[in-house]
Each structure stands twice: as C-alpha cells, then as structure tokens.
Amino acid sequence: MQLGQIQSDAYDLVYTSNGVHVWINDLNAMYQNISRVLKTGGRYIMFDIHPFMRPLSSNTEQLIAVKPYDATGPFGEPPTYKWRIQDLTNALALSGLTHGGNVCRGRGILGR
C-alpha cells in the first residue's frame, strides 16, 4: 500500500503498531500522509516500545533479563532504519497532527 495513493480525509482512525518505524525510510512523508488521510477530528494511535524492553521477561514482579539486548532483533536482510525519539517527535510535529489530550499509560492519541 502506498499512502500517497489513498484519498485525503478518508479515515477516522489510523493505527501503527510495534516496530513499524524500522521499515520507514521517510518519517516526514509517513506522518504528513497520515495527517492527510485522516478526517477532521480523526485520530492517529501509535503503539511502540523501546528496544530496551525486549530482553526483559513479562514478569511484573521482578526485573529479569531473559536474553541479551543484541539478540532481540530485528534480524535478516530487510532495511532497518534506526530513528531516535527526537526524529519521531519532529516528524509528528511537522505533520500537522495535534495532541488530542488523551494519554493512557504512555500511549498518546493524536488528532487532526
């Protein structure tokens, strides 16, 4: 799917999931297109985790490393872009998306 081919103002919701950013070579274009395809009042929800969390177990009682940090991937030949948090923040800010005021446990909801 090419975001540039999607009709403008077409969606109430756009969602991106864990790990999507390693596949994106142009954050500005991605977020500008997300802003473009959202209807006025639409929402963008992004879920991602910092790679630091990948080596840890899901045990919430104790902090336990279950594998080395460098064994958490991604692996293979696919392109992997290593964006910093400021790269994501700047691209979001330049896109025209605005914070909708709803944040739940670190997960932000941005609107148009």
C-alpha atoms as a PDB file:
ATOM      1  CA  MET A   1       0.000   0.000   0.000  1.00  0.00           C
ATOM      2  CA  GLN A   2       1.259   3.454  -0.874  1.00  0.00           C
ATOM      3  CA  LEU A   3      -0.031   6.175   1.457  1.00  0.00           C
ATOM      4  CA  GLY A   4       0.240   8.732  -1.351  1.00  0.00           C
ATOM      5  CA  GLN A   5      -2.443   6.848  -3.300  1.00  0.00           C
ATOM      6  CA  ILE A   6      -5.042   6.955  -0.517  1.00  0.00           C
ATOM      7  CA  GLN A   7      -7.773   9.574  -0.750  1.00  0.00           C
ATOM      8  CA  SER A   8      -7.391  12.602   1.556  1.00  0.00           C
ATOM      9  CA  ASP A   9      -9.767  12.996   4.525  1.00  0.00           C
ATOM     10  CA  ALA A  10     -10.836   9.346   4.205  1.00  0.00           C
ATOM     11  CA  TYR A  11     -10.280   7.771   7.636  1.00  0.00           C
ATOM     12  CA  ASP A  12     -11.485   8.293  11.185  1.00  0.00           C
ATOM     13  CA  LEU A  13      -8.589   6.271  12.602  1.00  0.00           C
ATOM     14  CA  VAL A  14      -5.032   5.383  11.611  1.00  0.00           C
ATOM     15  CA  TYR A  15      -3.083   2.952  13.802  1.00  0.00           C
ATOM     16  CA  THR A  16       0.566   1.912  13.648  1.00  0.00           C
ATOM     17  CA  SER A  17       1.872  -0.976  15.708  1.00  0.00           C
ATOM     18  CA  ASN A  18       5.059  -2.037  17.417  1.00  0.00           C
ATOM     19  CA  GLY A  19       8.126  -1.991  15.209  1.00  0.00           C
ATOM     20  CA  VAL A  20       6.717  -0.147  12.192  1.00  0.00           C
ATOM     21  CA  HIS A  21       9.347   2.607  12.257  1.00  0.00           C
ATOM     22  CA  VAL A  22      12.275   0.316  11.401  1.00  0.00           C
ATOM     23  CA  TRP A  23      10.661  -0.154   7.965  1.00  0.00           C
ATOM     24  CA  ILE A  24      10.061   3.548   7.227  1.00  0.00           C
ATOM     25  CA  ASN A  25      12.742   5.449   5.304  1.00  0.00           C
ATOM     26  CA  ASP A  26      10.988   8.854   5.392  1.00  0.00           C
ATOM     27  CA  LEU A  27       9.248   9.703   8.669  1.00  0.00           C
ATOM     28  CA  ASN A  28       8.163  13.145   7.485  1.00  0.00           C
ATOM     29  CA  ALA A  29       6.370  11.700   4.454  1.00  0.00           C
ATOM     30  CA  MET A  30       4.741   8.981   6.564  1.00  0.00           C
ATOM     31  CA  TYR A  31       3.334  11.380   9.166  1.00  0.00           C
ATOM     32  CA  GLN A  32       2.316  14.005   6.597  1.00  0.00           C
ATOM     33  CA  ASN A  33       0.350  11.325   4.749  1.00  0.00           C
ATOM     34  CA  ILE A  34      -1.210  10.066   7.978  1.00  0.00           C
ATOM     35  CA  SER A  35      -2.334  13.623   8.714  1.00  0.00           C
ATOM     36  CA  ARG A  36      -3.607  13.998   5.148  1.00  0.00           C
ATOM     37  CA  VAL A  37      -5.723  10.825   5.109  1.00  0.00           C
ATOM     38  CA  LEU A  38      -7.334  11.493   8.498  1.00  0.00           C
ATOM     39  CA  LYS A  39     -10.706  13.186   8.506  1.00  0.00           C
ATOM     40  CA  THR A  40     -11.022  16.346  10.562  1.00  0.00           C
ATOM     41  CA  GLY A  41     -11.445  15.092  14.108  1.00  0.00           C
ATOM     42  CA  GLY A  42      -9.866  11.749  13.176  1.00  0.00           C
ATOM     43  CA  ARG A  43      -7.340  10.043  15.430  1.00  0.00           C
ATOM     44  CA  TYR A  44      -3.898   8.544  14.975  1.00  0.00           C
ATOM     45  CA  ILE A  45      -2.792   5.949  17.526  1.00  0.00           C
ATOM     46  CA  MET A  46       0.793   4.741  17.665  1.00  0.00           C
ATOM     47  CA  PHE A  47       1.950   1.821  19.802  1.00  0.00           C
ATOM     48  CA  ASP A  48       5.635   1.131  20.112  1.00  0.00           C
ATOM     49  CA  ILE A  49       8.085   0.038  22.771  1.00  0.00           C
ATOM     50  CA  HIS A  50      11.664   0.989  23.305  1.00  0.00           C
ATOM     51  CA  PRO A  51      14.044  -1.821  22.293  1.00  0.00           C
ATOM     52  CA  PHE A  52      15.384  -1.772  25.859  1.00  0.00           C
ATOM     53  CA  MET A  53      12.251  -3.654  26.930  1.00  0.00           C
ATOM     54  CA  ARG A  54      12.710  -6.555  24.510  1.00  0.00           C
ATOM     55  CA  PRO A  55      15.277  -8.549  26.545  1.00  0.00           C
ATOM     56  CA  LEU A  56      13.103  -8.458  29.667  1.00  0.00           C
ATOM     57  CA  SER A  57      10.558 -11.026  30.787  1.00  0.00           C
ATOM     58  CA  SER A  58       6.887 -10.148  31.127  1.00  0.00           C
ATOM     59  CA  ASN A  59       7.108 -10.804  34.870  1.00  0.00           C
ATOM     60  CA  THR A  60       5.868  -7.615  36.528  1.00  0.00           C
ATOM     61  CA  GLU A  61       7.069  -8.647  39.991  1.00  0.00           C
ATOM     62  CA  GLN A  62      10.790  -8.798  39.126  1.00  0.00           C
ATOM     63  CA  LEU A  63      13.069  -7.264  36.527  1.00  0.00           C
ATOM     64  CA  ILE A  64      14.527 -10.319  34.750  1.00  0.00           C
ATOM     65  CA  ALA A  65      16.599 -10.293  31.569  1.00  0.00           C
ATOM     66  CA  VAL A  66      15.749 -13.389  29.531  1.00  0.00           C
ATOM     67  CA  LYS A  67      18.062 -12.737  26.580  1.00  0.00           C
ATOM     68  CA  PRO A  68      20.903 -10.377  25.631  1.00  0.00           C
ATOM     69  CA  TYR A  69      19.926  -6.995  24.196  1.00  0.00           C
ATOM     70  CA  ASP A  70      21.700  -7.692  20.887  1.00  0.00           C
ATOM     71  CA  ALA A  71      19.669 -10.903  20.474  1.00  0.00           C
ATOM     72  CA  THR A  72      16.347  -9.055  20.253  1.00  0.00           C
ATOM     73  CA  GLY A  73      16.401  -8.198  16.555  1.00  0.00           C
ATOM     74  CA  PRO A  74      15.264  -7.212  14.089  1.00  0.00           C
ATOM     75  CA  PHE A  75      17.338  -9.655  12.068  1.00  0.00           C
ATOM     76  CA  GLY A  76      17.825 -10.532   8.432  1.00  0.00           C
ATOM     77  CA  GLU A  77      18.245  -8.510   5.300  1.00  0.00           C
ATOM     78  CA  PRO A  78      15.216  -6.177   5.441  1.00  0.00           C
ATOM     79  CA  PRO A  79      16.022  -2.489   5.745  1.00  0.00           C
ATOM     80  CA  THR A  80      16.090  -1.294   9.320  1.00  0.00           C
ATOM     81  CA  TYR A  81      16.079   2.415   9.958  1.00  0.00           C
ATOM     82  CA  LYS A  82      17.253   3.445  13.403  1.00  0.00           C
ATOM     83  CA  TRP A  83      15.233   6.516  14.376  1.00  0.00           C
ATOM     84  CA  ARG A  84      15.767   8.459  17.581  1.00  0.00           C
ATOM     85  CA  ILE A  85      12.845   9.682  19.675  1.00  0.00           C
ATOM     86  CA  GLN A  86      13.556  13.255  18.522  1.00  0.00           C
ATOM     87  CA  ASP A  87      13.253  12.107  14.893  1.00  0.00           C
ATOM     88  CA  LEU A  88       9.766  10.762  15.604  1.00  0.00           C
ATOM     89  CA  THR A  89       8.787  13.835  17.613  1.00  0.00           C
ATOM     90  CA  ASN A  90       9.973  16.266  14.934  1.00  0.00           C
ATOM     91  CA  ALA A  91       8.221  14.372  12.137  1.00  0.00           C
ATOM     92  CA  LEU A  92       4.983  14.274  14.162  1.00  0.00           C
ATOM     93  CA  ALA A  93       5.222  17.990  14.959  1.00  0.00           C
ATOM     94  CA  LEU A  94       5.810  18.936  11.315  1.00  0.00           C
ATOM     95  CA  SER A  95       2.940  16.760  10.066  1.00  0.00           C
ATOM     96  CA  GLY A  96       0.085  18.898  11.336  1.00  0.00           C
ATOM     97  CA  LEU A  97      -1.112  16.269  13.809  1.00  0.00           C
ATOM     98  CA  THR A  98      -2.030  17.710  17.193  1.00  0.00           C
ATOM     99  CA  HIS A  99      -2.238  16.109  20.615  1.00  0.00           C
ATOM    100  CA  GLY A 100      -5.837  15.303  21.420  1.00  0.00           C
ATOM    101  CA  GLY A 101      -5.335  15.423  25.171  1.00  0.00           C
ATOM    102  CA  ASN A 102      -5.965  11.712  25.693  1.00  0.00           C
ATOM    103  CA  VAL A 103      -2.959   9.827  27.012  1.00  0.00           C
ATOM    104  CA  CYS A 104      -3.294   6.441  28.650  1.00  0.00           C
ATOM    105  CA  ARG A 105      -0.260   4.848  30.294  1.00  0.00           C
ATOM    106  CA  GLY A 106       2.216   6.434  27.896  1.00  0.00           C
ATOM    107  CA  ARG A 107       0.211   5.806  24.752  1.00  0.00           C
ATOM    108  CA  GLY A 108      -0.679   9.056  23.066  1.00  0.00           C
ATOM    109  CA  ILE A 109      -3.609   9.756  20.807  1.00  0.00           C
ATOM    110  CA  LEU A 110      -3.038  12.420  18.187  1.00  0.00           C
ATOM    111  CA  GLY A 111      -5.747  14.028  16.132  1.00  0.00           C
ATOM    112  CA  ARG A 112      -6.210  16.242  13.145  1.00  0.00           C
END
